[in-house]
N, C-alpha and C. Protein backbone atom coordinates (compact mmCIF):
# COMPACT_ATOMS: atom_id res chain seq x y z
N MET A 1 -1.84 13.06 18.39
CA MET A 1 -0.84 12.21 17.76
C MET A 1 -0.27 12.96 16.57
N SER A 2 1.04 13.01 16.49
CA SER A 2 1.69 13.67 15.37
C SER A 2 2.89 12.85 14.95
N TYR A 3 3.03 12.60 13.66
CA TYR A 3 4.17 11.85 13.17
C TYR A 3 4.36 12.15 11.70
N SER A 4 5.49 11.75 11.17
CA SER A 4 5.75 11.95 9.75
C SER A 4 6.19 10.63 9.14
N TYR A 5 5.87 10.45 7.86
CA TYR A 5 6.31 9.25 7.16
C TYR A 5 7.80 9.35 6.93
N ARG A 6 8.49 8.25 7.14
CA ARG A 6 9.93 8.19 6.93
C ARG A 6 10.25 7.06 5.97
N ALA A 7 11.43 7.15 5.40
CA ALA A 7 11.90 6.02 4.59
C ALA A 7 12.00 4.80 5.49
N MET A 8 11.65 3.63 4.96
CA MET A 8 11.69 2.42 5.75
C MET A 8 13.13 2.02 6.01
N LYS A 9 13.41 1.61 7.22
CA LYS A 9 14.71 1.09 7.60
C LYS A 9 14.62 -0.43 7.69
N PRO A 10 15.75 -1.13 7.60
CA PRO A 10 15.70 -2.59 7.68
C PRO A 10 15.02 -3.09 8.93
N SER A 11 15.10 -2.34 10.03
CA SER A 11 14.49 -2.77 11.28
C SER A 11 13.08 -2.22 11.47
N SER A 12 12.53 -1.62 10.41
CA SER A 12 11.23 -0.97 10.52
C SER A 12 10.16 -1.93 11.03
N THR A 13 9.33 -1.44 11.95
CA THR A 13 8.20 -2.22 12.43
C THR A 13 6.88 -1.68 11.89
N TYR A 14 6.94 -0.71 11.00
CA TYR A 14 5.75 -0.15 10.37
C TYR A 14 4.81 0.49 11.41
N SER A 15 5.37 0.95 12.52
CA SER A 15 4.53 1.48 13.59
C SER A 15 3.74 2.70 13.14
N ASP A 16 4.28 3.50 12.24
CA ASP A 16 3.54 4.66 11.75
C ASP A 16 2.24 4.23 11.09
N TYR A 17 2.29 3.20 10.29
CA TYR A 17 1.08 2.74 9.62
C TYR A 17 0.12 2.06 10.57
N ASP A 18 0.61 1.47 11.64
CA ASP A 18 -0.29 0.90 12.64
C ASP A 18 -1.18 2.00 13.22
N SER A 19 -0.60 3.14 13.53
CA SER A 19 -1.36 4.25 14.09
C SER A 19 -2.31 4.86 13.07
N PHE A 20 -1.98 4.74 11.82
CA PHE A 20 -2.69 5.40 10.73
C PHE A 20 -3.73 4.49 10.08
N ALA A 21 -3.77 3.22 10.46
CA ALA A 21 -4.56 2.22 9.72
C ALA A 21 -6.05 2.56 9.68
N TRP A 22 -6.61 3.00 10.80
CA TRP A 22 -8.05 3.29 10.84
C TRP A 22 -8.40 4.41 9.87
N PHE A 23 -7.51 5.40 9.77
CA PHE A 23 -7.75 6.54 8.88
C PHE A 23 -7.65 6.09 7.42
N TYR A 24 -6.62 5.32 7.11
CA TYR A 24 -6.44 4.81 5.75
C TYR A 24 -7.65 3.99 5.32
N ASP A 25 -8.11 3.12 6.22
CA ASP A 25 -9.26 2.28 5.91
C ASP A 25 -10.51 3.11 5.66
N ARG A 26 -10.69 4.14 6.45
CA ARG A 26 -11.91 4.94 6.38
C ARG A 26 -11.95 5.85 5.17
N TYR A 27 -10.82 6.43 4.80
CA TYR A 27 -10.83 7.48 3.78
C TYR A 27 -10.19 7.09 2.45
N TRP A 28 -9.21 6.21 2.46
CA TRP A 28 -8.43 6.01 1.25
C TRP A 28 -8.59 4.64 0.60
N GLY A 29 -8.87 3.61 1.38
CA GLY A 29 -8.88 2.26 0.82
C GLY A 29 -9.78 2.11 -0.38
N GLU A 30 -11.06 2.46 -0.24
CA GLU A 30 -12.01 2.34 -1.35
C GLU A 30 -11.69 3.32 -2.47
N ASP A 31 -11.33 4.55 -2.10
CA ASP A 31 -11.06 5.56 -3.11
C ASP A 31 -9.86 5.19 -3.97
N PHE A 32 -8.88 4.50 -3.39
CA PHE A 32 -7.72 4.07 -4.17
C PHE A 32 -8.03 2.83 -5.00
N ALA A 33 -8.86 1.94 -4.46
CA ALA A 33 -9.12 0.66 -5.13
C ALA A 33 -9.87 0.85 -6.44
N ARG A 34 -10.84 1.76 -6.47
CA ARG A 34 -11.67 1.91 -7.67
C ARG A 34 -10.86 2.28 -8.91
N PRO A 35 -10.03 3.33 -8.88
CA PRO A 35 -9.26 3.65 -10.09
C PRO A 35 -8.23 2.58 -10.42
N ALA A 36 -7.68 1.91 -9.40
CA ALA A 36 -6.72 0.83 -9.67
C ALA A 36 -7.39 -0.29 -10.45
N MET A 37 -8.60 -0.66 -10.06
CA MET A 37 -9.31 -1.73 -10.77
C MET A 37 -9.58 -1.34 -12.22
N ALA A 38 -9.88 -0.08 -12.45
CA ALA A 38 -10.12 0.38 -13.83
C ALA A 38 -8.86 0.22 -14.67
N ILE A 39 -7.71 0.50 -14.08
CA ILE A 39 -6.44 0.34 -14.80
C ILE A 39 -6.15 -1.13 -15.06
N TYR A 40 -6.40 -1.97 -14.06
CA TYR A 40 -6.12 -3.40 -14.22
C TYR A 40 -7.03 -4.04 -15.27
N GLU A 41 -8.24 -3.52 -15.40
CA GLU A 41 -9.14 -4.04 -16.43
C GLU A 41 -8.51 -3.93 -17.82
N THR A 42 -7.71 -2.89 -18.01
CA THR A 42 -7.08 -2.67 -19.31
C THR A 42 -5.70 -3.31 -19.41
N LEU A 43 -4.88 -3.14 -18.37
CA LEU A 43 -3.47 -3.53 -18.46
C LEU A 43 -3.16 -4.93 -17.95
N LEU A 44 -4.01 -5.48 -17.09
CA LEU A 44 -3.67 -6.75 -16.44
C LEU A 44 -4.63 -7.88 -16.76
N PHE A 45 -5.91 -7.67 -16.52
CA PHE A 45 -6.87 -8.76 -16.61
C PHE A 45 -6.92 -9.45 -17.98
N PRO A 46 -6.76 -8.73 -19.09
CA PRO A 46 -6.79 -9.43 -20.39
C PRO A 46 -5.69 -10.48 -20.54
N HIS A 47 -4.64 -10.39 -19.72
CA HIS A 47 -3.52 -11.32 -19.83
C HIS A 47 -3.61 -12.48 -18.83
N LEU A 48 -4.68 -12.51 -18.03
CA LEU A 48 -4.80 -13.52 -16.99
C LEU A 48 -5.95 -14.48 -17.28
N LYS A 49 -5.76 -15.71 -16.85
CA LYS A 49 -6.81 -16.71 -16.97
C LYS A 49 -7.77 -16.59 -15.78
N PRO A 50 -8.98 -17.13 -15.90
CA PRO A 50 -9.89 -17.14 -14.74
C PRO A 50 -9.23 -17.83 -13.55
N ARG A 51 -9.47 -17.30 -12.38
CA ARG A 51 -8.92 -17.82 -11.13
C ARG A 51 -7.40 -17.71 -11.06
N ALA A 52 -6.82 -16.83 -11.84
CA ALA A 52 -5.38 -16.61 -11.76
C ALA A 52 -4.99 -16.18 -10.35
N ARG A 53 -3.76 -16.50 -9.97
CA ARG A 53 -3.25 -16.15 -8.63
C ARG A 53 -2.53 -14.81 -8.71
N ILE A 54 -2.95 -13.87 -7.85
CA ILE A 54 -2.37 -12.53 -7.83
C ILE A 54 -1.76 -12.27 -6.46
N LEU A 55 -0.52 -11.79 -6.45
CA LEU A 55 0.18 -11.40 -5.23
C LEU A 55 0.07 -9.89 -5.09
N ASP A 56 -0.59 -9.43 -4.03
CA ASP A 56 -0.83 -8.01 -3.78
C ASP A 56 0.16 -7.53 -2.72
N LEU A 57 1.24 -6.86 -3.17
CA LEU A 57 2.27 -6.38 -2.27
C LEU A 57 1.88 -5.04 -1.68
N CYS A 58 2.14 -4.86 -0.38
CA CYS A 58 1.76 -3.64 0.33
C CYS A 58 0.25 -3.45 0.21
N CYS A 59 -0.49 -4.47 0.60
CA CYS A 59 -1.93 -4.54 0.34
C CYS A 59 -2.75 -3.61 1.22
N GLY A 60 -2.14 -3.04 2.27
CA GLY A 60 -2.86 -2.09 3.09
C GLY A 60 -4.07 -2.70 3.78
N THR A 61 -5.19 -1.99 3.72
CA THR A 61 -6.39 -2.43 4.43
C THR A 61 -7.31 -3.32 3.59
N GLY A 62 -6.82 -3.78 2.45
CA GLY A 62 -7.44 -4.90 1.77
C GLY A 62 -8.58 -4.63 0.81
N GLN A 63 -8.94 -3.36 0.59
CA GLN A 63 -10.06 -3.11 -0.32
C GLN A 63 -9.75 -3.53 -1.75
N LEU A 64 -8.51 -3.33 -2.18
CA LEU A 64 -8.15 -3.75 -3.53
C LEU A 64 -8.13 -5.28 -3.63
N ALA A 65 -7.61 -5.94 -2.61
CA ALA A 65 -7.62 -7.40 -2.60
C ALA A 65 -9.04 -7.94 -2.65
N ALA A 66 -9.96 -7.28 -1.93
CA ALA A 66 -11.36 -7.70 -1.95
C ALA A 66 -11.95 -7.55 -3.34
N ALA A 67 -11.63 -6.45 -4.01
CA ALA A 67 -12.15 -6.22 -5.36
C ALA A 67 -11.60 -7.25 -6.35
N LEU A 68 -10.33 -7.59 -6.20
CA LEU A 68 -9.73 -8.60 -7.07
C LEU A 68 -10.36 -9.97 -6.83
N HIS A 69 -10.60 -10.29 -5.57
CA HIS A 69 -11.26 -11.56 -5.25
C HIS A 69 -12.67 -11.60 -5.84
N ALA A 70 -13.40 -10.49 -5.72
CA ALA A 70 -14.75 -10.43 -6.28
C ALA A 70 -14.73 -10.58 -7.80
N ARG A 71 -13.62 -10.21 -8.41
CA ARG A 71 -13.47 -10.34 -9.86
C ARG A 71 -13.14 -11.78 -10.27
N GLY A 72 -12.92 -12.65 -9.27
CA GLY A 72 -12.71 -14.06 -9.55
C GLY A 72 -11.29 -14.55 -9.42
N PHE A 73 -10.38 -13.71 -8.92
CA PHE A 73 -8.99 -14.11 -8.81
C PHE A 73 -8.67 -14.64 -7.41
N ALA A 74 -7.66 -15.49 -7.34
CA ALA A 74 -7.17 -15.98 -6.06
C ALA A 74 -6.07 -15.04 -5.59
N VAL A 75 -6.29 -14.35 -4.48
CA VAL A 75 -5.42 -13.25 -4.07
C VAL A 75 -4.71 -13.58 -2.77
N THR A 76 -3.43 -13.23 -2.72
CA THR A 76 -2.65 -13.26 -1.48
C THR A 76 -2.11 -11.86 -1.25
N GLY A 77 -2.45 -11.27 -0.11
CA GLY A 77 -1.99 -9.93 0.22
C GLY A 77 -0.85 -9.97 1.22
N VAL A 78 0.11 -9.07 1.03
CA VAL A 78 1.26 -8.97 1.93
C VAL A 78 1.38 -7.53 2.41
N ASP A 79 1.57 -7.36 3.71
CA ASP A 79 1.79 -6.02 4.25
C ASP A 79 2.62 -6.13 5.53
N GLY A 80 3.35 -5.07 5.84
CA GLY A 80 4.20 -5.07 7.02
C GLY A 80 3.54 -4.55 8.27
N SER A 81 2.32 -4.02 8.16
CA SER A 81 1.64 -3.43 9.31
C SER A 81 0.58 -4.37 9.85
N PRO A 82 0.72 -4.87 11.07
CA PRO A 82 -0.32 -5.73 11.64
C PRO A 82 -1.69 -5.05 11.72
N ALA A 83 -1.70 -3.76 12.03
CA ALA A 83 -2.98 -3.05 12.15
C ALA A 83 -3.66 -2.93 10.79
N MET A 84 -2.89 -2.66 9.74
CA MET A 84 -3.48 -2.61 8.41
C MET A 84 -4.06 -3.96 8.04
N LEU A 85 -3.37 -5.03 8.40
CA LEU A 85 -3.85 -6.37 8.07
C LEU A 85 -5.10 -6.75 8.86
N GLU A 86 -5.26 -6.21 10.05
CA GLU A 86 -6.51 -6.46 10.79
C GLU A 86 -7.70 -5.94 10.01
N PHE A 87 -7.59 -4.73 9.48
CA PHE A 87 -8.66 -4.19 8.64
C PHE A 87 -8.80 -5.00 7.36
N ALA A 88 -7.68 -5.41 6.78
CA ALA A 88 -7.72 -6.17 5.53
C ALA A 88 -8.50 -7.47 5.71
N ARG A 89 -8.28 -8.15 6.81
CA ARG A 89 -8.98 -9.42 7.04
C ARG A 89 -10.47 -9.20 7.26
N GLU A 90 -10.85 -8.04 7.77
CA GLU A 90 -12.27 -7.72 7.89
C GLU A 90 -12.86 -7.36 6.53
N ASN A 91 -12.11 -6.62 5.73
CA ASN A 91 -12.61 -6.17 4.43
C ASN A 91 -12.62 -7.27 3.38
N ALA A 92 -11.73 -8.25 3.53
CA ALA A 92 -11.62 -9.32 2.53
C ALA A 92 -11.40 -10.66 3.25
N PRO A 93 -12.43 -11.17 3.92
CA PRO A 93 -12.25 -12.39 4.73
C PRO A 93 -11.89 -13.63 3.93
N ALA A 94 -12.16 -13.64 2.63
CA ALA A 94 -11.85 -14.81 1.81
C ALA A 94 -10.43 -14.78 1.24
N VAL A 95 -9.70 -13.71 1.51
CA VAL A 95 -8.36 -13.53 0.95
C VAL A 95 -7.31 -13.96 1.98
N GLU A 96 -6.24 -14.57 1.50
CA GLU A 96 -5.11 -14.91 2.37
C GLU A 96 -4.22 -13.69 2.55
N PHE A 97 -3.88 -13.38 3.80
CA PHE A 97 -2.99 -12.25 4.08
C PHE A 97 -1.78 -12.73 4.86
N ILE A 98 -0.62 -12.17 4.52
CA ILE A 98 0.64 -12.53 5.15
C ILE A 98 1.29 -11.28 5.71
N HIS A 99 1.72 -11.34 6.96
CA HIS A 99 2.46 -10.23 7.57
C HIS A 99 3.94 -10.40 7.24
N ALA A 100 4.46 -9.53 6.40
CA ALA A 100 5.87 -9.64 5.99
C ALA A 100 6.35 -8.32 5.41
N ASP A 101 7.65 -8.11 5.49
CA ASP A 101 8.33 -6.99 4.85
C ASP A 101 8.57 -7.36 3.39
N VAL A 102 8.18 -6.50 2.47
CA VAL A 102 8.32 -6.84 1.05
C VAL A 102 9.78 -6.98 0.63
N ARG A 103 10.70 -6.44 1.44
CA ARG A 103 12.12 -6.59 1.13
C ARG A 103 12.66 -7.94 1.56
N ALA A 104 11.86 -8.69 2.31
CA ALA A 104 12.29 -10.00 2.80
C ALA A 104 11.10 -10.95 2.76
N LEU A 105 10.53 -11.12 1.58
CA LEU A 105 9.34 -11.95 1.44
C LEU A 105 9.64 -13.41 1.77
N PRO A 106 8.66 -14.10 2.35
CA PRO A 106 8.82 -15.55 2.52
C PRO A 106 8.82 -16.23 1.16
N MET A 107 9.10 -17.52 1.14
CA MET A 107 9.18 -18.27 -0.11
C MET A 107 7.79 -18.43 -0.71
N LEU A 108 7.46 -17.58 -1.66
CA LEU A 108 6.18 -17.63 -2.35
C LEU A 108 6.42 -18.03 -3.80
N ARG A 109 5.54 -18.86 -4.34
CA ARG A 109 5.76 -19.40 -5.68
C ARG A 109 4.46 -19.46 -6.48
N ASN A 110 4.63 -19.55 -7.80
CA ASN A 110 3.56 -19.91 -8.74
C ASN A 110 2.42 -18.90 -8.80
N PHE A 111 2.74 -17.62 -8.69
CA PHE A 111 1.74 -16.59 -8.92
C PHE A 111 1.73 -16.20 -10.39
N ASP A 112 0.56 -15.90 -10.90
CA ASP A 112 0.42 -15.50 -12.29
C ASP A 112 0.70 -14.01 -12.48
N ALA A 113 0.51 -13.24 -11.42
CA ALA A 113 0.75 -11.80 -11.50
C ALA A 113 1.05 -11.28 -10.10
N ALA A 114 1.76 -10.17 -10.06
CA ALA A 114 2.00 -9.45 -8.81
C ALA A 114 1.69 -7.98 -9.05
N ILE A 115 1.16 -7.32 -8.04
CA ILE A 115 0.86 -5.90 -8.14
C ILE A 115 1.39 -5.19 -6.90
N SER A 116 1.71 -3.92 -7.06
CA SER A 116 2.01 -3.05 -5.93
C SER A 116 1.46 -1.68 -6.29
N ALA A 117 0.38 -1.31 -5.63
CA ALA A 117 -0.37 -0.11 -6.03
C ALA A 117 -0.13 1.05 -5.05
N PHE A 118 -0.63 2.21 -5.45
CA PHE A 118 -0.72 3.39 -4.58
C PHE A 118 0.65 3.90 -4.15
N ASP A 119 1.62 3.87 -5.06
CA ASP A 119 2.95 4.45 -4.80
C ASP A 119 3.70 3.74 -3.67
N SER A 120 3.32 2.52 -3.35
CA SER A 120 3.92 1.85 -2.19
C SER A 120 5.42 1.69 -2.32
N LEU A 121 5.90 1.41 -3.52
CA LEU A 121 7.34 1.18 -3.70
C LEU A 121 8.16 2.46 -3.53
N ASN A 122 7.50 3.62 -3.48
CA ASN A 122 8.23 4.85 -3.21
C ASN A 122 8.79 4.89 -1.79
N HIS A 123 8.32 4.01 -0.92
CA HIS A 123 8.87 3.94 0.43
C HIS A 123 10.27 3.33 0.44
N LEU A 124 10.64 2.65 -0.62
CA LEU A 124 11.97 2.04 -0.72
C LEU A 124 12.93 3.10 -1.24
N MET A 125 13.92 3.42 -0.43
CA MET A 125 14.73 4.61 -0.71
C MET A 125 16.06 4.32 -1.37
N THR A 126 16.38 3.05 -1.59
CA THR A 126 17.65 2.73 -2.24
C THR A 126 17.42 1.76 -3.38
N LEU A 127 18.33 1.79 -4.34
CA LEU A 127 18.25 0.85 -5.46
C LEU A 127 18.40 -0.58 -4.97
N LYS A 128 19.19 -0.78 -3.93
CA LYS A 128 19.38 -2.12 -3.37
C LYS A 128 18.05 -2.69 -2.87
N GLU A 129 17.29 -1.87 -2.14
CA GLU A 129 16.01 -2.34 -1.61
C GLU A 129 15.02 -2.64 -2.73
N LEU A 130 14.99 -1.76 -3.72
CA LEU A 130 14.08 -1.98 -4.85
C LEU A 130 14.46 -3.25 -5.60
N THR A 131 15.76 -3.48 -5.76
CA THR A 131 16.22 -4.69 -6.43
C THR A 131 15.83 -5.93 -5.64
N GLN A 132 15.91 -5.85 -4.31
CA GLN A 132 15.51 -6.98 -3.48
C GLN A 132 14.05 -7.35 -3.74
N VAL A 133 13.19 -6.34 -3.80
CA VAL A 133 11.77 -6.60 -4.03
C VAL A 133 11.57 -7.22 -5.41
N PHE A 134 12.22 -6.68 -6.43
CA PHE A 134 12.07 -7.23 -7.77
C PHE A 134 12.53 -8.69 -7.83
N ARG A 135 13.59 -9.01 -7.12
CA ARG A 135 14.06 -10.40 -7.10
C ARG A 135 13.06 -11.32 -6.43
N HIS A 136 12.48 -10.86 -5.32
CA HIS A 136 11.47 -11.67 -4.63
C HIS A 136 10.25 -11.89 -5.53
N VAL A 137 9.85 -10.83 -6.22
CA VAL A 137 8.69 -10.95 -7.11
C VAL A 137 9.00 -11.90 -8.26
N HIS A 138 10.18 -11.77 -8.83
CA HIS A 138 10.58 -12.67 -9.93
C HIS A 138 10.52 -14.13 -9.48
N ARG A 139 10.98 -14.39 -8.27
CA ARG A 139 10.95 -15.75 -7.73
C ARG A 139 9.52 -16.24 -7.52
N ALA A 140 8.64 -15.32 -7.14
CA ALA A 140 7.26 -15.70 -6.82
C ALA A 140 6.41 -15.94 -8.06
N LEU A 141 6.81 -15.37 -9.20
CA LEU A 141 5.99 -15.46 -10.41
C LEU A 141 6.31 -16.72 -11.21
N ALA A 142 5.26 -17.34 -11.71
CA ALA A 142 5.41 -18.43 -12.67
C ALA A 142 5.47 -17.82 -14.06
N PRO A 143 6.40 -18.24 -14.92
CA PRO A 143 6.46 -17.68 -16.28
C PRO A 143 5.15 -17.90 -17.02
N PRO A 144 4.68 -16.94 -17.80
CA PRO A 144 5.25 -15.60 -18.03
C PRO A 144 4.56 -14.57 -17.13
N GLY A 145 4.87 -14.58 -15.86
CA GLY A 145 4.18 -13.73 -14.90
C GLY A 145 4.34 -12.25 -15.17
N ILE A 146 3.41 -11.47 -14.66
CA ILE A 146 3.37 -10.02 -14.86
C ILE A 146 3.50 -9.32 -13.51
N PHE A 147 4.35 -8.30 -13.45
CA PHE A 147 4.45 -7.45 -12.26
C PHE A 147 4.03 -6.05 -12.67
N LEU A 148 2.91 -5.58 -12.11
CA LEU A 148 2.38 -4.26 -12.43
C LEU A 148 2.45 -3.40 -11.18
N PHE A 149 3.17 -2.28 -11.27
CA PHE A 149 3.35 -1.40 -10.11
C PHE A 149 3.37 0.04 -10.58
N ASP A 150 3.26 0.96 -9.64
CA ASP A 150 3.35 2.38 -9.97
C ASP A 150 4.34 3.05 -9.02
N LEU A 151 4.96 4.11 -9.51
CA LEU A 151 5.90 4.91 -8.73
C LEU A 151 5.65 6.39 -9.01
N ASN A 152 5.77 7.20 -7.98
CA ASN A 152 5.74 8.65 -8.19
C ASN A 152 7.07 9.09 -8.78
N GLN A 153 7.01 10.06 -9.69
CA GLN A 153 8.21 10.65 -10.24
C GLN A 153 8.19 12.15 -9.97
N GLU A 154 9.37 12.75 -10.01
CA GLU A 154 9.48 14.16 -9.67
C GLU A 154 8.75 15.02 -10.70
N THR A 155 7.89 15.89 -10.21
CA THR A 155 7.15 16.82 -11.07
C THR A 155 7.14 18.18 -10.40
N GLU A 156 6.63 19.17 -11.11
CA GLU A 156 6.50 20.50 -10.52
C GLU A 156 5.58 20.47 -9.31
N GLU A 157 4.61 19.57 -9.34
CA GLU A 157 3.66 19.46 -8.23
C GLU A 157 4.37 19.12 -6.93
N ASP A 158 5.46 18.34 -7.03
CA ASP A 158 6.19 17.94 -5.83
C ASP A 158 6.77 19.14 -5.09
N ALA A 159 7.14 20.17 -5.84
CA ALA A 159 7.81 21.32 -5.24
C ALA A 159 6.85 22.20 -4.44
N ARG A 160 5.56 21.99 -4.59
CA ARG A 160 4.59 22.83 -3.90
C ARG A 160 4.24 22.24 -2.54
N ALA A 161 4.16 23.11 -1.54
CA ALA A 161 3.70 22.66 -0.23
C ALA A 161 2.21 22.34 -0.33
N GLN A 162 1.83 21.21 0.21
CA GLN A 162 0.44 20.78 0.13
C GLN A 162 -0.09 20.51 1.54
N THR A 163 -1.25 21.05 1.82
CA THR A 163 -1.87 20.84 3.12
C THR A 163 -3.35 20.56 2.92
N PHE A 164 -3.87 19.58 3.63
CA PHE A 164 -5.31 19.39 3.66
C PHE A 164 -5.71 18.92 5.05
N ASP A 165 -6.96 19.13 5.37
CA ASP A 165 -7.44 18.72 6.69
C ASP A 165 -8.80 18.08 6.57
N ILE A 166 -9.10 17.24 7.55
CA ILE A 166 -10.41 16.60 7.68
C ILE A 166 -10.88 16.84 9.10
N ILE A 167 -12.07 17.39 9.23
CA ILE A 167 -12.62 17.69 10.55
C ILE A 167 -13.98 17.01 10.68
N GLU A 168 -14.07 16.08 11.60
CA GLU A 168 -15.31 15.36 11.88
C GLU A 168 -15.62 15.46 13.37
N ASP A 169 -16.80 14.98 13.76
CA ASP A 169 -17.20 15.09 15.15
C ASP A 169 -16.25 14.35 16.10
N ASP A 170 -15.68 13.24 15.63
CA ASP A 170 -14.87 12.42 16.53
C ASP A 170 -13.39 12.37 16.16
N HIS A 171 -12.97 13.13 15.14
CA HIS A 171 -11.55 13.15 14.83
C HIS A 171 -11.21 14.36 13.96
N ILE A 172 -9.96 14.77 14.06
CA ILE A 172 -9.41 15.86 13.26
C ILE A 172 -8.07 15.39 12.71
N CYS A 173 -7.85 15.64 11.44
CA CYS A 173 -6.59 15.23 10.81
C CYS A 173 -6.07 16.36 9.93
N VAL A 174 -4.80 16.70 10.09
CA VAL A 174 -4.15 17.70 9.25
C VAL A 174 -2.93 17.04 8.62
N VAL A 175 -2.85 17.09 7.29
CA VAL A 175 -1.73 16.50 6.56
C VAL A 175 -1.00 17.60 5.81
N GLN A 176 0.30 17.69 6.03
CA GLN A 176 1.12 18.68 5.32
C GLN A 176 2.26 17.95 4.62
N ALA A 177 2.42 18.24 3.33
CA ALA A 177 3.49 17.62 2.55
C ALA A 177 4.58 18.65 2.27
N THR A 178 5.82 18.21 2.39
CA THR A 178 6.96 19.05 2.03
C THR A 178 7.84 18.27 1.07
N TYR A 179 8.55 19.01 0.22
CA TYR A 179 9.41 18.36 -0.77
C TYR A 179 10.79 18.99 -0.74
N ASP A 180 11.82 18.16 -0.66
CA ASP A 180 13.21 18.61 -0.68
C ASP A 180 13.80 18.24 -2.04
N PRO A 181 13.99 19.22 -2.94
CA PRO A 181 14.50 18.90 -4.28
C PRO A 181 15.94 18.39 -4.26
N GLY A 182 16.71 18.78 -3.24
CA GLY A 182 18.08 18.28 -3.14
C GLY A 182 18.11 16.79 -2.85
N GLU A 183 17.30 16.37 -1.90
CA GLU A 183 17.21 14.94 -1.57
C GLU A 183 16.26 14.19 -2.49
N LYS A 184 15.44 14.95 -3.24
CA LYS A 184 14.36 14.37 -4.04
C LYS A 184 13.46 13.51 -3.14
N LEU A 185 13.10 14.10 -2.01
CA LEU A 185 12.36 13.37 -0.99
C LEU A 185 11.13 14.17 -0.58
N LYS A 186 9.98 13.52 -0.63
CA LYS A 186 8.74 14.15 -0.19
C LYS A 186 8.32 13.53 1.14
N ARG A 187 7.97 14.40 2.08
CA ARG A 187 7.57 13.94 3.40
C ARG A 187 6.14 14.38 3.68
N TYR A 188 5.39 13.50 4.32
CA TYR A 188 4.03 13.82 4.75
C TYR A 188 4.01 13.86 6.27
N HIS A 189 3.64 15.01 6.81
CA HIS A 189 3.54 15.19 8.25
C HIS A 189 2.06 15.15 8.62
N VAL A 190 1.70 14.22 9.48
CA VAL A 190 0.30 13.98 9.82
C VAL A 190 0.08 14.25 11.30
N THR A 191 -0.88 15.11 11.60
CA THR A 191 -1.27 15.38 12.98
C THR A 191 -2.73 14.97 13.15
N MET A 192 -3.00 14.14 14.15
CA MET A 192 -4.35 13.62 14.35
C MET A 192 -4.80 13.81 15.79
N PHE A 193 -6.07 14.08 15.93
CA PHE A 193 -6.76 14.04 17.22
C PHE A 193 -7.97 13.14 17.02
N ARG A 194 -8.12 12.15 17.90
CA ARG A 194 -9.22 11.21 17.76
C ARG A 194 -9.90 11.01 19.11
N GLN A 195 -11.21 11.08 19.12
CA GLN A 195 -11.95 10.94 20.36
C GLN A 195 -12.09 9.46 20.71
N THR A 196 -11.76 9.14 21.95
CA THR A 196 -11.95 7.80 22.49
C THR A 196 -12.75 7.93 23.77
N GLY A 197 -14.04 7.61 23.69
CA GLY A 197 -14.91 7.87 24.83
C GLY A 197 -15.03 9.36 25.05
N PRO A 198 -14.86 9.83 26.30
CA PRO A 198 -14.95 11.27 26.56
C PRO A 198 -13.65 12.01 26.29
N LEU A 199 -12.59 11.28 25.97
CA LEU A 199 -11.26 11.88 25.84
C LEU A 199 -10.86 12.02 24.38
N TRP A 200 -9.94 12.97 24.13
CA TRP A 200 -9.35 13.15 22.80
C TRP A 200 -7.87 12.80 22.90
């Protein structure tokens, strides 16, 4: 299996992430959640009441939602990939998860905070799309709600070609990143081989 991440289109079905969900869950979910929780302890939690409602946009495989729930918050996770949400419901069975595109959120209300972690909003390639998300979040938050998110910005690191691989008994994964300074666009090309029974 070989594919590359692309900018999301309005008709996107998130099929790339469906194929990638098992890998994300296995290698990145927990590793991403731990540092995010450390940041939220400083920047977010002091401003929230016990049992505050948190909207987790682009929640992925749910490890961060599970950690937030364990911290005592009422969490609703949103993601566009059905396969990612399957893992999320296993990882955080007490959390509510909604299958939706963040650019066209359903009518959600009365959240005390919203988060979007792990550079997820970098998938939105136009100011119009980003504005749509901000408007949906504004509608979902009860005053004085907080929206905490992160975005990658252009650095010297972006200009360097990056490659890493993972080799295990039942799967092989090679990830290569390229950066186009003219487009200001970074692409990740992922090639995977995974054993299913006797076949690869």
